Amino acid sequence: MPGLPELAATAAGTLSTTPRPTAFEPAGGLGVVDSYLVIRHHSMPAFAGRPPYVLALVTLDEGVRLPGRFDGVAPREARIGQPVRAAFHVGLGADTPGVIFRPRQPAAVGAR
């Protein structure tokens, strides 16, 4: 099955692409926030007047990194290393679902 191209640097300093097989496997949806940013100024008219929201880059327990909206947390409460759970969400007018993340309790409290 053809996969996504993988960029690789050559000795001459140029980039080349090589096919890499893609395999899809189920994931549990648990992970931690690696990075995040707070969107305060909306550049698209459709989002004008919307309150600030958080976009996060999350590494799932299986090692996959995914970007998505971080719901259920105020922008000032988002933290790197915060445990989250992934979910799918279909927005108004969207044809396909997107990934969102919601906070979960730390593993010490029994969330895993």
N, C-alpha and C. Protein backbone atom coordinates (compact mmCIF):
# COMPACT_ATOMS: atom_id res chain seq x y z
N MET A 1 0.85 -1.18 0.00
CA MET A 1 0.00 0.00 0.00
C MET A 1 0.90 1.24 0.00
N PRO A 2 0.68 2.18 -0.91
CA PRO A 2 1.53 3.37 -0.93
C PRO A 2 1.35 4.18 0.34
N GLY A 3 2.42 4.78 0.80
CA GLY A 3 2.36 5.57 2.02
C GLY A 3 2.71 7.01 1.76
N LEU A 4 2.77 7.77 2.83
CA LEU A 4 3.16 9.17 2.74
C LEU A 4 4.64 9.27 2.47
N PRO A 5 5.07 10.24 1.67
CA PRO A 5 6.51 10.35 1.44
C PRO A 5 7.23 10.81 2.70
N GLU A 6 8.41 10.31 2.86
CA GLU A 6 9.24 10.70 4.00
C GLU A 6 10.39 11.55 3.46
N LEU A 7 10.57 12.73 4.02
CA LEU A 7 11.66 13.59 3.59
C LEU A 7 12.96 13.14 4.25
N ALA A 8 14.01 13.12 3.45
CA ALA A 8 15.31 12.73 3.98
C ALA A 8 16.38 13.65 3.42
N ALA A 9 17.31 14.07 4.24
CA ALA A 9 18.41 14.93 3.77
C ALA A 9 19.48 14.05 3.15
N THR A 10 20.01 14.49 2.02
CA THR A 10 21.10 13.76 1.37
C THR A 10 22.42 14.41 1.75
N ALA A 11 23.52 13.78 1.37
CA ALA A 11 24.84 14.31 1.70
C ALA A 11 25.06 15.68 1.07
N ALA A 12 24.43 15.95 -0.09
CA ALA A 12 24.60 17.23 -0.76
C ALA A 12 23.76 18.33 -0.13
N GLY A 13 22.93 17.98 0.84
CA GLY A 13 22.10 18.98 1.52
C GLY A 13 20.76 19.22 0.87
N THR A 14 20.40 18.40 -0.11
CA THR A 14 19.08 18.55 -0.73
C THR A 14 18.12 17.56 -0.09
N LEU A 15 16.86 17.75 -0.33
CA LEU A 15 15.85 16.85 0.23
C LEU A 15 15.37 15.89 -0.85
N SER A 16 15.13 14.67 -0.45
CA SER A 16 14.54 13.70 -1.36
C SER A 16 13.37 13.04 -0.66
N THR A 17 12.49 12.44 -1.43
CA THR A 17 11.36 11.73 -0.84
C THR A 17 11.47 10.26 -1.16
N THR A 18 11.15 9.45 -0.18
CA THR A 18 11.11 8.01 -0.38
C THR A 18 9.78 7.52 0.17
N PRO A 19 9.10 6.61 -0.54
CA PRO A 19 7.82 6.11 -0.03
C PRO A 19 8.01 5.34 1.27
N ARG A 20 7.11 5.52 2.16
CA ARG A 20 7.14 4.81 3.43
C ARG A 20 5.79 4.15 3.61
N PRO A 21 5.74 2.84 3.89
CA PRO A 21 4.44 2.19 4.06
C PRO A 21 3.69 2.78 5.25
N THR A 22 2.40 2.85 5.10
CA THR A 22 1.55 3.38 6.16
C THR A 22 0.67 2.25 6.68
N ALA A 23 0.66 2.06 7.97
CA ALA A 23 -0.20 1.07 8.59
C ALA A 23 -1.08 1.78 9.60
N PHE A 24 -2.34 1.43 9.61
CA PHE A 24 -3.27 2.03 10.56
C PHE A 24 -3.58 1.02 11.64
N GLU A 25 -3.41 1.43 12.89
CA GLU A 25 -3.69 0.58 14.02
C GLU A 25 -4.51 1.37 15.02
N PRO A 26 -5.37 0.70 15.78
CA PRO A 26 -6.17 1.43 16.77
C PRO A 26 -5.29 2.03 17.86
N ALA A 27 -5.75 3.15 18.38
CA ALA A 27 -5.05 3.82 19.49
C ALA A 27 -6.06 4.05 20.61
N GLY A 28 -5.57 4.02 21.83
CA GLY A 28 -6.44 4.17 22.98
C GLY A 28 -6.94 5.58 23.20
N GLY A 29 -6.24 6.58 22.64
CA GLY A 29 -6.68 7.96 22.77
C GLY A 29 -6.16 8.70 23.99
N LEU A 30 -5.31 8.05 24.79
CA LEU A 30 -4.72 8.71 25.95
C LEU A 30 -3.35 9.25 25.58
N GLY A 31 -3.02 10.43 26.08
CA GLY A 31 -1.73 11.01 25.78
C GLY A 31 -1.43 12.20 26.67
N VAL A 32 -0.37 12.93 26.30
CA VAL A 32 0.02 14.13 27.05
C VAL A 32 0.31 15.27 26.08
N VAL A 33 0.09 16.48 26.55
CA VAL A 33 0.33 17.68 25.76
C VAL A 33 1.84 17.91 25.64
N ASP A 34 2.33 17.99 24.38
CA ASP A 34 3.75 18.29 24.13
C ASP A 34 3.95 19.79 23.97
N SER A 35 2.99 20.44 23.37
CA SER A 35 3.07 21.87 23.10
C SER A 35 1.66 22.39 22.88
N TYR A 36 1.48 23.69 23.04
CA TYR A 36 0.16 24.27 22.78
C TYR A 36 0.32 25.75 22.45
N LEU A 37 -0.71 26.29 21.85
CA LEU A 37 -0.76 27.73 21.62
C LEU A 37 -2.18 28.20 21.83
N VAL A 38 -2.30 29.44 22.25
CA VAL A 38 -3.61 30.04 22.51
C VAL A 38 -3.94 30.97 21.34
N ILE A 39 -5.08 30.72 20.71
CA ILE A 39 -5.54 31.57 19.61
C ILE A 39 -6.42 32.66 20.23
N ARG A 40 -5.96 33.90 20.13
CA ARG A 40 -6.70 35.03 20.69
C ARG A 40 -7.29 35.94 19.62
N HIS A 41 -6.61 36.04 18.48
CA HIS A 41 -7.05 36.92 17.39
C HIS A 41 -7.39 36.05 16.19
N HIS A 42 -8.62 36.10 15.79
CA HIS A 42 -9.09 35.22 14.72
C HIS A 42 -8.96 35.93 13.38
N SER A 43 -8.27 35.29 12.45
CA SER A 43 -8.02 35.90 11.14
C SER A 43 -9.15 35.64 10.14
N MET A 44 -10.03 34.71 10.45
CA MET A 44 -11.13 34.42 9.52
C MET A 44 -12.43 35.01 10.08
N PRO A 45 -13.21 35.67 9.22
CA PRO A 45 -14.47 36.29 9.68
C PRO A 45 -15.42 35.32 10.36
N ALA A 46 -15.40 34.06 9.94
CA ALA A 46 -16.31 33.07 10.54
C ALA A 46 -16.04 32.87 12.03
N PHE A 47 -14.82 33.17 12.49
CA PHE A 47 -14.47 32.98 13.88
C PHE A 47 -14.43 34.28 14.68
N ALA A 48 -14.80 35.39 14.08
CA ALA A 48 -14.79 36.68 14.77
C ALA A 48 -15.69 36.61 15.99
N GLY A 49 -15.24 37.19 17.08
CA GLY A 49 -16.04 37.21 18.30
C GLY A 49 -15.93 35.94 19.13
N ARG A 50 -15.24 34.94 18.63
CA ARG A 50 -15.09 33.69 19.38
C ARG A 50 -14.07 33.92 20.49
N PRO A 51 -14.33 33.37 21.68
CA PRO A 51 -13.37 33.56 22.77
C PRO A 51 -12.06 32.83 22.47
N PRO A 52 -10.98 33.18 23.16
CA PRO A 52 -9.70 32.49 22.94
C PRO A 52 -9.86 30.98 23.14
N TYR A 53 -9.11 30.22 22.37
CA TYR A 53 -9.14 28.77 22.52
C TYR A 53 -7.72 28.23 22.37
N VAL A 54 -7.53 26.96 22.74
CA VAL A 54 -6.22 26.34 22.78
C VAL A 54 -6.11 25.28 21.69
N LEU A 55 -5.00 25.31 20.95
CA LEU A 55 -4.63 24.23 20.03
C LEU A 55 -3.44 23.51 20.66
N ALA A 56 -3.48 22.18 20.65
CA ALA A 56 -2.42 21.41 21.31
C ALA A 56 -1.80 20.40 20.36
N LEU A 57 -0.54 20.10 20.59
CA LEU A 57 0.15 19.00 19.94
C LEU A 57 0.33 17.95 21.02
N VAL A 58 -0.25 16.77 20.78
CA VAL A 58 -0.32 15.72 21.79
C VAL A 58 0.38 14.46 21.30
N THR A 59 1.15 13.84 22.17
CA THR A 59 1.70 12.52 21.88
C THR A 59 0.84 11.49 22.60
N LEU A 60 0.23 10.61 21.80
CA LEU A 60 -0.56 9.53 22.38
C LEU A 60 0.37 8.48 22.98
N ASP A 61 -0.17 7.66 23.88
CA ASP A 61 0.63 6.63 24.54
C ASP A 61 1.29 5.69 23.53
N GLU A 62 0.70 5.52 22.35
CA GLU A 62 1.25 4.64 21.32
C GLU A 62 2.39 5.30 20.53
N GLY A 63 2.69 6.59 20.81
CA GLY A 63 3.78 7.28 20.16
C GLY A 63 3.38 8.19 19.01
N VAL A 64 2.12 8.18 18.63
CA VAL A 64 1.64 9.02 17.53
C VAL A 64 1.44 10.45 18.04
N ARG A 65 1.88 11.45 17.25
CA ARG A 65 1.66 12.85 17.62
C ARG A 65 0.54 13.42 16.76
N LEU A 66 -0.41 14.06 17.42
CA LEU A 66 -1.57 14.64 16.73
C LEU A 66 -1.81 16.07 17.19
N PRO A 67 -2.18 16.94 16.26
CA PRO A 67 -2.63 18.28 16.66
C PRO A 67 -4.15 18.27 16.81
N GLY A 68 -4.68 19.14 17.63
CA GLY A 68 -6.11 19.25 17.77
C GLY A 68 -6.49 20.35 18.75
N ARG A 69 -7.76 20.69 18.75
CA ARG A 69 -8.27 21.69 19.69
C ARG A 69 -8.31 21.06 21.08
N PHE A 70 -7.93 21.84 22.09
CA PHE A 70 -7.90 21.38 23.48
C PHE A 70 -9.12 21.99 24.16
N ASP A 71 -10.17 21.22 24.30
CA ASP A 71 -11.43 21.68 24.90
C ASP A 71 -11.46 21.38 26.39
N GLY A 72 -12.32 22.11 27.08
CA GLY A 72 -12.52 21.84 28.50
C GLY A 72 -11.45 22.40 29.41
N VAL A 73 -10.63 23.31 28.89
CA VAL A 73 -9.58 23.92 29.69
C VAL A 73 -9.50 25.39 29.30
N ALA A 74 -9.41 26.24 30.29
CA ALA A 74 -9.23 27.67 30.01
C ALA A 74 -7.81 27.87 29.49
N PRO A 75 -7.61 28.83 28.57
CA PRO A 75 -6.27 29.05 28.03
C PRO A 75 -5.18 29.19 29.10
N ARG A 76 -5.49 29.84 30.20
CA ARG A 76 -4.47 30.05 31.25
C ARG A 76 -4.19 28.77 32.05
N GLU A 77 -5.01 27.73 31.87
CA GLU A 77 -4.82 26.48 32.60
C GLU A 77 -4.14 25.38 31.78
N ALA A 78 -3.90 25.62 30.50
CA ALA A 78 -3.24 24.62 29.65
C ALA A 78 -1.79 24.48 30.09
N ARG A 79 -1.28 23.25 30.11
CA ARG A 79 0.09 22.99 30.54
C ARG A 79 0.73 21.90 29.68
N ILE A 80 2.02 22.04 29.42
CA ILE A 80 2.79 20.98 28.79
C ILE A 80 2.88 19.83 29.78
N GLY A 81 2.71 18.61 29.30
CA GLY A 81 2.73 17.44 30.17
C GLY A 81 1.37 17.08 30.72
N GLN A 82 0.35 17.89 30.43
CA GLN A 82 -0.99 17.65 30.95
C GLN A 82 -1.58 16.39 30.31
N PRO A 83 -2.12 15.46 31.09
CA PRO A 83 -2.73 14.26 30.53
C PRO A 83 -4.07 14.59 29.86
N VAL A 84 -4.29 14.02 28.67
CA VAL A 84 -5.50 14.28 27.91
C VAL A 84 -6.07 12.99 27.32
N ARG A 85 -7.30 13.10 26.86
CA ARG A 85 -7.99 12.00 26.17
C ARG A 85 -8.49 12.56 24.83
N ALA A 86 -8.23 11.84 23.75
CA ALA A 86 -8.65 12.26 22.41
C ALA A 86 -10.10 11.85 22.16
N ALA A 87 -10.77 12.65 21.34
CA ALA A 87 -12.13 12.34 20.90
C ALA A 87 -12.29 12.93 19.51
N PHE A 88 -13.31 12.47 18.80
CA PHE A 88 -13.62 13.03 17.49
C PHE A 88 -14.79 13.98 17.62
N HIS A 89 -14.76 15.03 16.81
CA HIS A 89 -15.82 16.03 16.84
C HIS A 89 -16.09 16.49 15.41
N VAL A 90 -17.37 16.51 15.04
CA VAL A 90 -17.75 17.02 13.72
C VAL A 90 -18.35 18.41 13.93
N GLY A 91 -17.66 19.43 13.43
CA GLY A 91 -18.12 20.80 13.58
C GLY A 91 -19.26 21.12 12.62
N LEU A 92 -19.94 22.22 12.88
CA LEU A 92 -21.02 22.64 12.00
C LEU A 92 -20.51 22.87 10.60
N GLY A 93 -21.16 22.27 9.63
CA GLY A 93 -20.78 22.44 8.23
C GLY A 93 -19.60 21.59 7.80
N ALA A 94 -19.03 20.79 8.70
CA ALA A 94 -17.88 19.95 8.35
C ALA A 94 -18.35 18.60 7.81
N ASP A 95 -17.58 18.07 6.89
CA ASP A 95 -17.89 16.76 6.33
C ASP A 95 -17.18 15.62 7.07
N THR A 96 -16.06 15.95 7.68
CA THR A 96 -15.27 14.92 8.35
C THR A 96 -14.99 15.35 9.79
N PRO A 97 -14.81 14.37 10.66
CA PRO A 97 -14.52 14.72 12.05
C PRO A 97 -13.09 15.21 12.24
N GLY A 98 -12.90 16.01 13.26
CA GLY A 98 -11.57 16.46 13.65
C GLY A 98 -11.26 15.92 15.03
N VAL A 99 -10.00 15.94 15.39
CA VAL A 99 -9.58 15.46 16.70
C VAL A 99 -9.63 16.62 17.69
N ILE A 100 -10.22 16.36 18.84
CA ILE A 100 -10.17 17.30 19.95
C ILE A 100 -9.60 16.55 21.15
N PHE A 101 -9.07 17.29 22.09
CA PHE A 101 -8.54 16.70 23.30
C PHE A 101 -9.24 17.31 24.49
N ARG A 102 -9.44 16.50 25.51
CA ARG A 102 -10.05 16.96 26.76
C ARG A 102 -9.14 16.54 27.91
N PRO A 103 -9.06 17.37 28.95
CA PRO A 103 -8.19 17.00 30.08
C PRO A 103 -8.74 15.77 30.80
N ARG A 104 -7.83 15.02 31.37
CA ARG A 104 -8.21 13.90 32.23
C ARG A 104 -7.42 14.02 33.51
N GLN A 105 -7.84 13.31 34.52
CA GLN A 105 -7.15 13.39 35.80
C GLN A 105 -5.80 12.71 35.69
N PRO A 106 -4.82 13.15 36.45
CA PRO A 106 -3.51 12.51 36.43
C PRO A 106 -3.60 11.03 36.77
N ALA A 107 -2.67 10.25 36.25
CA ALA A 107 -2.67 8.81 36.47
C ALA A 107 -2.64 8.46 37.96
N ALA A 108 -2.05 9.31 38.79
CA ALA A 108 -1.98 9.05 40.23
C ALA A 108 -3.37 8.99 40.85
N VAL A 109 -4.36 9.59 40.19
CA VAL A 109 -5.72 9.59 40.72
C VAL A 109 -6.53 8.46 40.09
N GLY A 110 -5.92 7.70 39.19
CA GLY A 110 -6.60 6.55 38.60
C GLY A 110 -7.25 6.81 37.26
N ALA A 111 -6.84 7.81 36.51
CA ALA A 111 -7.47 8.13 35.23
C ALA A 111 -7.13 7.14 34.15
N ARG A 112 -6.01 6.47 34.22
CA ARG A 112 -5.62 5.52 33.16
C ARG A 112 -6.32 4.23 33.41
